[in-house]
Amino acid sequence: MADSVDQINEFMAAIRQKESGGNYTVVNKDSGAYGAYQFMKGTFVTAAKLAGVSTAWPPSKEAQ
């Protein structure tokens, strides 16, 4: 199980680095995508609802 968690964490870190350089507050000036994973507001709100977490925009670092 730990190996799976480590692999997921490594995968998410790679996405975070590619999308935003690890910056949790960056905004894409062209698209408006926000945060470490460059979510669009509608996508984030939908995913947050499914996960049962806050849908506040912009999302906190913890919500990302």
N, C-alpha and C. Protein backbone atom coordinates (compact mmCIF):
# COMPACT_ATOMS: atom_id res chain seq x y z
N MET A 1 0.82 -1.20 0.00
CA MET A 1 0.00 0.00 0.00
C MET A 1 0.86 1.26 0.00
N ALA A 2 1.91 1.27 0.79
CA ALA A 2 2.77 2.45 0.85
C ALA A 2 3.37 2.76 -0.51
N ASP A 3 3.72 1.72 -1.26
CA ASP A 3 4.28 1.95 -2.59
C ASP A 3 3.27 2.66 -3.48
N SER A 4 2.02 2.27 -3.41
CA SER A 4 0.97 2.92 -4.21
C SER A 4 0.81 4.38 -3.83
N VAL A 5 0.80 4.66 -2.54
CA VAL A 5 0.67 6.03 -2.06
C VAL A 5 1.87 6.86 -2.51
N ASP A 6 3.06 6.29 -2.40
CA ASP A 6 4.27 6.98 -2.84
C ASP A 6 4.21 7.28 -4.34
N GLN A 7 3.74 6.33 -5.11
CA GLN A 7 3.63 6.53 -6.56
C GLN A 7 2.62 7.62 -6.89
N ILE A 8 1.51 7.64 -6.20
CA ILE A 8 0.50 8.69 -6.42
C ILE A 8 1.08 10.04 -6.05
N ASN A 9 1.77 10.12 -4.91
CA ASN A 9 2.38 11.38 -4.48
C ASN A 9 3.42 11.86 -5.48
N GLU A 10 4.22 10.97 -6.02
CA GLU A 10 5.22 11.33 -7.03
C GLU A 10 4.54 11.82 -8.31
N PHE A 11 3.48 11.14 -8.70
CA PHE A 11 2.73 11.52 -9.90
C PHE A 11 2.11 12.91 -9.73
N MET A 12 1.49 13.15 -8.59
CA MET A 12 0.88 14.45 -8.34
C MET A 12 1.93 15.56 -8.27
N ALA A 13 3.09 15.27 -7.70
CA ALA A 13 4.16 16.25 -7.65
C ALA A 13 4.64 16.60 -9.05
N ALA A 14 4.71 15.61 -9.93
CA ALA A 14 5.13 15.86 -11.31
C ALA A 14 4.11 16.73 -12.03
N ILE A 15 2.82 16.46 -11.83
CA ILE A 15 1.78 17.29 -12.45
C ILE A 15 1.86 18.72 -11.92
N ARG A 16 1.97 18.85 -10.61
CA ARG A 16 2.05 20.16 -9.96
C ARG A 16 3.23 20.97 -10.52
N GLN A 17 4.37 20.32 -10.67
CA GLN A 17 5.56 21.00 -11.17
C GLN A 17 5.36 21.43 -12.63
N LYS A 18 4.79 20.58 -13.44
CA LYS A 18 4.60 20.90 -14.86
C LYS A 18 3.56 22.00 -15.04
N GLU A 19 2.47 21.93 -14.30
CA GLU A 19 1.37 22.88 -14.48
C GLU A 19 1.69 24.27 -13.93
N SER A 20 2.37 24.33 -12.79
CA SER A 20 2.50 25.64 -12.11
C SER A 20 3.86 25.90 -11.49
N GLY A 21 4.78 24.98 -11.67
CA GLY A 21 6.06 25.12 -10.99
C GLY A 21 5.92 24.97 -9.49
N GLY A 22 4.80 24.39 -9.07
CA GLY A 22 4.55 24.18 -7.64
C GLY A 22 3.90 25.37 -6.95
N ASN A 23 3.51 26.38 -7.72
CA ASN A 23 2.91 27.60 -7.16
C ASN A 23 1.40 27.39 -6.97
N TYR A 24 0.96 27.43 -5.73
CA TYR A 24 -0.45 27.18 -5.42
C TYR A 24 -1.35 28.39 -5.67
N THR A 25 -0.78 29.53 -6.01
CA THR A 25 -1.61 30.72 -6.21
C THR A 25 -1.47 31.33 -7.61
N VAL A 26 -0.75 30.66 -8.49
CA VAL A 26 -0.55 31.20 -9.83
C VAL A 26 -1.86 31.18 -10.63
N VAL A 27 -2.05 32.22 -11.45
CA VAL A 27 -3.22 32.31 -12.33
C VAL A 27 -2.72 32.37 -13.77
N ASN A 28 -3.28 31.53 -14.62
CA ASN A 28 -2.94 31.57 -16.04
C ASN A 28 -3.61 32.78 -16.64
N LYS A 29 -2.81 33.70 -17.19
CA LYS A 29 -3.36 34.97 -17.69
C LYS A 29 -4.24 34.78 -18.92
N ASP A 30 -4.08 33.69 -19.65
CA ASP A 30 -4.88 33.45 -20.84
C ASP A 30 -6.19 32.72 -20.54
N SER A 31 -6.10 31.69 -19.71
CA SER A 31 -7.29 30.85 -19.48
C SER A 31 -8.01 31.14 -18.18
N GLY A 32 -7.30 31.71 -17.20
CA GLY A 32 -7.87 31.92 -15.88
C GLY A 32 -7.73 30.71 -14.98
N ALA A 33 -7.06 29.66 -15.47
CA ALA A 33 -6.84 28.48 -14.62
C ALA A 33 -6.04 28.90 -13.40
N TYR A 34 -6.31 28.25 -12.27
CA TYR A 34 -5.76 28.69 -10.99
C TYR A 34 -5.07 27.56 -10.26
N GLY A 35 -4.00 27.90 -9.59
CA GLY A 35 -3.39 27.04 -8.59
C GLY A 35 -2.38 26.04 -9.13
N ALA A 36 -1.93 25.21 -8.23
CA ALA A 36 -0.87 24.25 -8.51
C ALA A 36 -1.22 23.30 -9.64
N TYR A 37 -2.49 22.95 -9.75
CA TYR A 37 -2.91 21.98 -10.76
C TYR A 37 -3.65 22.63 -11.91
N GLN A 38 -3.72 23.96 -11.90
CA GLN A 38 -4.32 24.75 -12.98
C GLN A 38 -5.76 24.34 -13.30
N PHE A 39 -6.58 24.33 -12.27
CA PHE A 39 -8.00 24.04 -12.43
C PHE A 39 -8.74 25.26 -12.97
N MET A 40 -9.72 25.01 -13.81
CA MET A 40 -10.69 26.02 -14.17
C MET A 40 -11.75 25.98 -13.07
N LYS A 41 -12.40 27.10 -12.81
CA LYS A 41 -13.34 27.19 -11.69
C LYS A 41 -14.43 26.12 -11.76
N GLY A 42 -15.07 25.96 -12.91
CA GLY A 42 -16.15 24.99 -13.02
C GLY A 42 -15.71 23.57 -12.76
N THR A 43 -14.54 23.22 -13.27
CA THR A 43 -14.00 21.88 -13.05
C THR A 43 -13.69 21.66 -11.58
N PHE A 44 -13.09 22.66 -10.95
CA PHE A 44 -12.76 22.54 -9.54
C PHE A 44 -14.01 22.38 -8.69
N VAL A 45 -15.01 23.21 -8.93
CA VAL A 45 -16.24 23.16 -8.14
C VAL A 45 -16.91 21.79 -8.27
N THR A 46 -16.98 21.28 -9.49
CA THR A 46 -17.58 19.95 -9.70
C THR A 46 -16.79 18.87 -8.96
N ALA A 47 -15.48 18.89 -9.10
CA ALA A 47 -14.64 17.89 -8.42
C ALA A 47 -14.74 18.02 -6.91
N ALA A 48 -14.75 19.24 -6.41
CA ALA A 48 -14.86 19.46 -4.96
C ALA A 48 -16.17 18.94 -4.41
N LYS A 49 -17.26 19.17 -5.15
CA LYS A 49 -18.57 18.64 -4.71
C LYS A 49 -18.53 17.12 -4.64
N LEU A 50 -17.97 16.48 -5.66
CA LEU A 50 -17.89 15.02 -5.66
C LEU A 50 -17.04 14.50 -4.52
N ALA A 51 -16.00 15.26 -4.16
CA ALA A 51 -15.11 14.84 -3.08
C ALA A 51 -15.64 15.23 -1.70
N GLY A 52 -16.68 16.06 -1.67
CA GLY A 52 -17.24 16.47 -0.39
C GLY A 52 -16.39 17.49 0.34
N VAL A 53 -15.66 18.32 -0.41
CA VAL A 53 -14.83 19.36 0.20
C VAL A 53 -15.34 20.73 -0.21
N SER A 54 -14.76 21.75 0.36
CA SER A 54 -15.19 23.12 0.10
C SER A 54 -15.09 23.45 -1.39
N THR A 55 -16.10 24.17 -1.88
CA THR A 55 -16.10 24.61 -3.27
C THR A 55 -15.69 26.08 -3.38
N ALA A 56 -15.15 26.65 -2.30
CA ALA A 56 -14.75 28.06 -2.30
C ALA A 56 -13.73 28.32 -3.40
N TRP A 57 -13.90 29.43 -4.09
CA TRP A 57 -12.98 29.83 -5.16
C TRP A 57 -12.37 31.17 -4.84
N PRO A 58 -11.11 31.39 -4.98
CA PRO A 58 -10.13 30.38 -5.36
C PRO A 58 -9.88 29.40 -4.22
N PRO A 59 -9.51 28.19 -4.57
CA PRO A 59 -9.33 27.17 -3.54
C PRO A 59 -8.07 27.40 -2.70
N SER A 60 -8.14 26.99 -1.47
CA SER A 60 -6.97 27.06 -0.58
C SER A 60 -5.95 26.02 -1.02
N LYS A 61 -4.75 26.14 -0.52
CA LYS A 61 -3.71 25.15 -0.81
C LYS A 61 -4.19 23.78 -0.36
N GLU A 62 -4.84 23.73 0.80
CA GLU A 62 -5.30 22.44 1.34
C GLU A 62 -6.37 21.82 0.45
N ALA A 63 -7.21 22.65 -0.18
CA ALA A 63 -8.27 22.12 -1.03
C ALA A 63 -7.73 21.63 -2.37
N GLN A 64 -6.57 22.14 -2.75
CA GLN A 64 -5.99 21.71 -4.01
C GLN A 64 -5.35 20.37 -3.83
